Amino acid sequence: MNDKDRALIKRMIGYCDDIYDLLEKFDYSFQKYLTKIEFQYSCGMCLIQIGELAGKISDETVKANPQIAWRAIKAMRNIHAHDYGNVDHSIVWDSIENDVPDLRQKLLKLLNA
């Protein structure tokens, strides 16, 4: 993996950590996610950034790491960036609660390989 990809992956991990901090701040509450617009917007911005960074990862790194759902990550970014009015909050919640921690672990493993 090249140095640029390493730097991008470290930034992606940072946004995963930001989502974790937000979950902690709002008590891991889906109800708070639905009612606190700052919680929604903050998580959404982190997902946009993760997807934006994923789109900059080299083709070589993407192809060598099919265990990471690169396309889905970019798709989530596109929904948040271009079609926010149609975001399904239960899907986003599931993603920030389950997919983001899984992604973080996979990215850490990739960095340490």
C-alpha atoms as a PDB file:
ATOM      1  CA  MET A   1       0.000   0.000   0.000  1.00  0.00           C
ATOM      2  CA  ASN A   2       1.330   3.429  -0.874  1.00  0.00           C
ATOM      3  CA  ASP A   3       1.764   6.334   1.549  1.00  0.00           C
ATOM      4  CA  LYS A   4      -1.197   8.265   0.129  1.00  0.00           C
ATOM      5  CA  ASP A   5      -3.537   5.325   0.782  1.00  0.00           C
ATOM      6  CA  ARG A   6      -2.137   4.974   4.306  1.00  0.00           C
ATOM      7  CA  ALA A   7      -2.877   8.627   5.018  1.00  0.00           C
ATOM      8  CA  LEU A   8      -6.409   8.324   3.575  1.00  0.00           C
ATOM      9  CA  ILE A   9      -7.122   5.213   5.641  1.00  0.00           C
ATOM     10  CA  LYS A  10      -5.901   6.928   8.813  1.00  0.00           C
ATOM     11  CA  ARG A  11      -8.284   9.795   8.116  1.00  0.00           C
ATOM     12  CA  MET A  12     -11.138   7.331   7.514  1.00  0.00           C
ATOM     13  CA  ILE A  13     -10.398   5.749  10.894  1.00  0.00           C
ATOM     14  CA  GLY A  14     -10.522   9.220  12.443  1.00  0.00           C
ATOM     15  CA  TYR A  15     -14.043   9.761  11.104  1.00  0.00           C
ATOM     16  CA  CYS A  16     -15.074   6.339  12.400  1.00  0.00           C
ATOM     17  CA  ASP A  17     -13.782   7.463  15.797  1.00  0.00           C
ATOM     18  CA  ASP A  18     -15.767  10.695  15.493  1.00  0.00           C
ATOM     19  CA  ILE A  19     -18.945   8.667  14.943  1.00  0.00           C
ATOM     20  CA  TYR A  20     -18.125   6.575  18.000  1.00  0.00           C
ATOM     21  CA  ASP A  21     -17.712   9.795  20.023  1.00  0.00           C
ATOM     22  CA  LEU A  22     -21.081  11.041  18.777  1.00  0.00           C
ATOM     23  CA  LEU A  23     -22.761   7.770  19.700  1.00  0.00           C
ATOM     24  CA  GLU A  24     -21.289   8.030  23.165  1.00  0.00           C
ATOM     25  CA  LYS A  25     -22.318  11.686  23.529  1.00  0.00           C
ATOM     26  CA  PHE A  26     -25.908  10.853  22.595  1.00  0.00           C
ATOM     27  CA  ASP A  27     -26.089   7.665  24.702  1.00  0.00           C
ATOM     28  CA  TYR A  28     -26.293   5.300  21.720  1.00  0.00           C
ATOM     29  CA  SER A  29     -29.914   6.373  21.409  1.00  0.00           C
ATOM     30  CA  PHE A  30     -31.767   5.930  18.134  1.00  0.00           C
ATOM     31  CA  GLN A  31     -34.514   8.147  19.525  1.00  0.00           C
ATOM     32  CA  LYS A  32     -31.988  10.946  20.061  1.00  0.00           C
ATOM     33  CA  TYR A  33     -30.665  10.338  16.560  1.00  0.00           C
ATOM     34  CA  LEU A  34     -34.185  10.849  15.201  1.00  0.00           C
ATOM     35  CA  THR A  35     -34.848  13.992  17.234  1.00  0.00           C
ATOM     36  CA  LYS A  36     -31.471  15.735  17.459  1.00  0.00           C
ATOM     37  CA  ILE A  37     -30.682  17.223  14.074  1.00  0.00           C
ATOM     38  CA  GLU A  38     -27.091  17.951  15.128  1.00  0.00           C
ATOM     39  CA  PHE A  39     -26.602  14.232  15.781  1.00  0.00           C
ATOM     40  CA  GLN A  40     -27.955  13.354  12.320  1.00  0.00           C
ATOM     41  CA  TYR A  41     -25.960  16.028  10.530  1.00  0.00           C
ATOM     42  CA  SER A  42     -22.736  15.222  12.367  1.00  0.00           C
ATOM     43  CA  CYS A  43     -22.969  11.505  11.608  1.00  0.00           C
ATOM     44  CA  GLY A  44     -23.966  12.287   8.038  1.00  0.00           C
ATOM     45  CA  MET A  45     -20.940  14.513   7.542  1.00  0.00           C
ATOM     46  CA  CYS A  46     -18.650  11.809   8.914  1.00  0.00           C
ATOM     47  CA  LEU A  47     -20.186   9.265   6.522  1.00  0.00           C
ATOM     48  CA  ILE A  48     -19.740  11.694   3.630  1.00  0.00           C
ATOM     49  CA  GLN A  49     -16.087  12.168   4.531  1.00  0.00           C
ATOM     50  CA  ILE A  50     -15.468   8.428   4.904  1.00  0.00           C
ATOM     51  CA  GLY A  51     -17.031   7.853   1.474  1.00  0.00           C
ATOM     52  CA  GLU A  52     -15.117  10.714  -0.094  1.00  0.00           C
ATOM     53  CA  LEU A  53     -11.830   9.351   1.227  1.00  0.00           C
ATOM     54  CA  ALA A  54     -12.726   5.802   0.139  1.00  0.00           C
ATOM     55  CA  GLY A  55     -13.163   7.131  -3.378  1.00  0.00           C
ATOM     56  CA  LYS A  56      -9.565   8.363  -3.359  1.00  0.00           C
ATOM     57  CA  ILE A  57      -8.027   5.017  -2.392  1.00  0.00           C
ATOM     58  CA  SER A  58      -5.946   3.566  -5.232  1.00  0.00           C
ATOM     59  CA  ASP A  59      -7.406   0.839  -7.424  1.00  0.00           C
ATOM     60  CA  GLU A  60      -4.583  -1.442  -6.327  1.00  0.00           C
ATOM     61  CA  THR A  61      -5.504  -1.160  -2.655  1.00  0.00           C
ATOM     62  CA  VAL A  62      -9.212  -1.535  -3.403  1.00  0.00           C
ATOM     63  CA  LYS A  63      -8.660  -4.662  -5.504  1.00  0.00           C
ATOM     64  CA  ALA A  64      -6.299  -6.149  -2.927  1.00  0.00           C
ATOM     65  CA  ASN A  65      -8.859  -5.682  -0.132  1.00  0.00           C
ATOM     66  CA  PRO A  66     -12.267  -6.996  -1.213  1.00  0.00           C
ATOM     67  CA  GLN A  67     -13.195  -7.577   2.450  1.00  0.00           C
ATOM     68  CA  ILE A  68     -13.922  -3.841   2.612  1.00  0.00           C
ATOM     69  CA  ALA A  69     -17.201  -2.771   0.988  1.00  0.00           C
ATOM     70  CA  TRP A  70     -15.680   0.130  -0.945  1.00  0.00           C
ATOM     71  CA  ARG A  71     -18.676   0.526  -3.281  1.00  0.00           C
ATOM     72  CA  ALA A  72     -21.187   0.544  -0.428  1.00  0.00           C
ATOM     73  CA  ILE A  73     -19.120   3.123   1.447  1.00  0.00           C
ATOM     74  CA  LYS A  74     -19.122   5.419  -1.576  1.00  0.00           C
ATOM     75  CA  ALA A  75     -22.833   4.762  -2.167  1.00  0.00           C
ATOM     76  CA  MET A  76     -23.671   5.839   1.388  1.00  0.00           C
ATOM     77  CA  ARG A  77     -21.679   9.011   0.795  1.00  0.00           C
ATOM     78  CA  ASN A  78     -23.579   9.734  -2.412  1.00  0.00           C
ATOM     79  CA  ILE A  79     -26.956   9.298  -0.740  1.00  0.00           C
ATOM     80  CA  HIS A  80     -26.001  11.707   2.037  1.00  0.00           C
ATOM     81  CA  ALA A  81     -24.435  14.226  -0.305  1.00  0.00           C
ATOM     82  CA  HIS A  82     -26.982  14.205  -3.121  1.00  0.00           C
ATOM     83  CA  ASP A  83     -30.274  12.800  -1.850  1.00  0.00           C
ATOM     84  CA  TYR A  84     -30.363  13.658   1.838  1.00  0.00           C
ATOM     85  CA  GLY A  85     -34.125  14.163   1.847  1.00  0.00           C
ATOM     86  CA  ASN A  86     -34.586  10.478   1.061  1.00  0.00           C
ATOM     87  CA  VAL A  87     -32.213   9.066   3.669  1.00  0.00           C
ATOM     88  CA  ASP A  88     -33.693   6.129   5.575  1.00  0.00           C
ATOM     89  CA  HIS A  89     -32.622   6.887   9.137  1.00  0.00           C
ATOM     90  CA  SER A  90     -33.010   3.294  10.294  1.00  0.00           C
ATOM     91  CA  ILE A  91     -30.523   2.169   7.635  1.00  0.00           C
ATOM     92  CA  VAL A  92     -28.105   4.936   8.586  1.00  0.00           C
ATOM     93  CA  TRP A  93     -28.466   4.033  12.258  1.00  0.00           C
ATOM     94  CA  ASP A  94     -27.724   0.398  11.523  1.00  0.00           C
ATOM     95  CA  SER A  95     -24.688   1.470   9.549  1.00  0.00           C
ATOM     96  CA  ILE A  96     -23.250   3.762  12.225  1.00  0.00           C
ATOM     97  CA  GLU A  97     -23.948   1.219  14.929  1.00  0.00           C
ATOM     98  CA  ASN A  98     -22.685  -1.884  13.090  1.00  0.00           C
ATOM     99  CA  ASP A  99     -20.913  -1.160   9.813  1.00  0.00           C
ATOM    100  CA  VAL A 100     -18.718   1.704  10.983  1.00  0.00           C
ATOM    101  CA  PRO A 101     -17.121  -0.259  13.857  1.00  0.00           C
ATOM    102  CA  ASP A 102     -16.571  -3.199  11.499  1.00  0.00           C
ATOM    103  CA  LEU A 103     -15.034  -0.884   8.899  1.00  0.00           C
ATOM    104  CA  ARG A 104     -12.763   0.645  11.517  1.00  0.00           C
ATOM    105  CA  GLN A 105     -11.448  -2.774  12.520  1.00  0.00           C
ATOM    106  CA  LYS A 106     -10.834  -3.771   8.902  1.00  0.00           C
ATOM    107  CA  LEU A 107      -9.025  -0.501   8.195  1.00  0.00           C
ATOM    108  CA  LEU A 108      -6.829  -0.919  11.277  1.00  0.00           C
ATOM    109  CA  LYS A 109      -5.986  -4.461  10.198  1.00  0.00           C
ATOM    110  CA  LEU A 110      -5.132  -3.187   6.731  1.00  0.00           C
ATOM    111  CA  LEU A 111      -2.825  -0.519   8.172  1.00  0.00           C
ATOM    112  CA  ASN A 112      -1.059  -3.019  10.396  1.00  0.00           C
ATOM    113  CA  ALA A 113      -0.564  -5.630   7.657  1.00  0.00           C
END
